[in-house]
């Protein structure tokens, strides 16, 4: 099942990217370069908030790119 403007593949990509980035942030910032933060429930709540915010931000950028009909190949090359 997919959201209206996204296919299942795009949803998985957004979720994986958000999960990896938020995990890296928590590993460095919250866990002080370890994974002890996993044992604390409040850290999981914060993790969920960060995950949702990052996913919505990615979705917003994707919608803007599609509405403006920006060629993604041009963006990849310019980076």
Protein backbone atom coordinates (compact mmCIF):
# COMPACT_ATOMS: atom_id res chain seq x y z
CA UNK A 1 0.00 0.00 0.00
CA UNK A 2 1.36 3.40 -0.88
CA UNK A 3 0.66 7.06 -0.24
CA UNK A 4 -1.04 8.83 -3.18
CA UNK A 5 1.96 10.60 -4.68
CA UNK A 6 4.56 8.00 -3.75
CA UNK A 7 5.13 4.49 -4.90
CA UNK A 8 6.07 1.72 -2.49
CA UNK A 9 9.73 1.91 -3.58
CA UNK A 10 9.93 5.64 -2.83
CA UNK A 11 8.31 5.15 0.58
CA UNK A 12 10.89 2.51 1.47
CA UNK A 13 13.73 4.75 0.28
CA UNK A 14 12.51 7.68 2.39
CA UNK A 15 12.09 5.47 5.46
CA UNK A 16 15.53 3.86 5.09
CA UNK A 17 17.29 7.19 4.55
CA UNK A 18 15.52 8.73 7.54
CA UNK A 19 16.32 5.70 9.72
CA UNK A 20 20.02 5.69 8.81
CA UNK A 21 20.46 9.45 9.27
CA UNK A 22 18.61 9.55 12.60
CA UNK A 23 20.54 6.50 13.83
CA UNK A 24 23.81 8.27 12.97
CA UNK A 25 22.69 11.43 14.78
CA UNK A 26 21.70 9.46 17.88
CA UNK A 27 24.91 7.42 17.80
CA UNK A 28 27.01 10.58 17.79
CA UNK A 29 24.90 13.04 19.80
CA UNK A 30 22.76 11.10 22.26
CA UNK A 31 24.82 7.94 22.71
CA UNK A 32 28.24 9.62 22.83
CA UNK A 33 29.54 7.20 20.17
CA UNK A 34 27.79 4.11 21.56
CA UNK A 35 24.37 2.55 21.48
CA UNK A 36 23.48 2.80 25.18
CA UNK A 37 20.72 5.27 24.26
CA UNK A 38 18.66 2.31 23.03
CA UNK A 39 17.83 1.31 26.61
CA UNK A 40 16.04 4.56 27.43
CA UNK A 41 12.36 4.94 26.42
CA UNK A 42 12.51 8.74 26.20
CA UNK A 43 15.30 8.47 23.63
CA UNK A 44 13.04 6.26 21.51
CA UNK A 45 10.33 8.91 21.67
CA UNK A 46 12.83 11.52 20.48
CA UNK A 47 14.05 9.08 17.81
CA UNK A 48 10.48 8.74 16.54
CA UNK A 49 10.01 12.49 16.42
CA UNK A 50 13.27 12.98 14.51
CA UNK A 51 12.35 10.13 12.15
CA UNK A 52 8.93 11.61 11.37
CA UNK A 53 10.29 15.14 10.90
CA UNK A 54 13.06 13.96 8.58
CA UNK A 55 10.63 11.81 6.58
CA UNK A 56 8.21 14.74 6.17
CA UNK A 57 11.09 17.01 5.12
CA UNK A 58 12.15 14.51 2.46
CA UNK A 59 8.58 14.21 1.27
CA UNK A 60 8.30 18.00 1.08
CA UNK A 61 11.45 18.29 -1.01
CA UNK A 62 10.20 15.55 -3.32
CA UNK A 63 6.84 17.28 -3.79
CA UNK A 64 8.53 20.62 -4.53
CA UNK A 65 10.89 19.00 -7.03
CA UNK A 66 7.98 17.29 -8.79
CA UNK A 67 5.81 20.43 -8.85
CA UNK A 68 8.63 22.52 -10.29
CA UNK A 69 9.46 19.66 -12.67
CA UNK A 70 13.13 19.89 -11.84
CA UNK A 71 15.22 17.25 -13.55
CA UNK A 72 16.70 15.09 -10.77
CA UNK A 73 19.63 14.07 -12.99
CA UNK A 74 20.69 17.73 -13.09
CA UNK A 75 20.59 17.91 -9.29
CA UNK A 76 22.66 14.74 -8.90
CA UNK A 77 25.26 15.99 -11.37
CA UNK A 78 25.52 19.42 -9.74
CA UNK A 79 26.13 17.91 -6.30
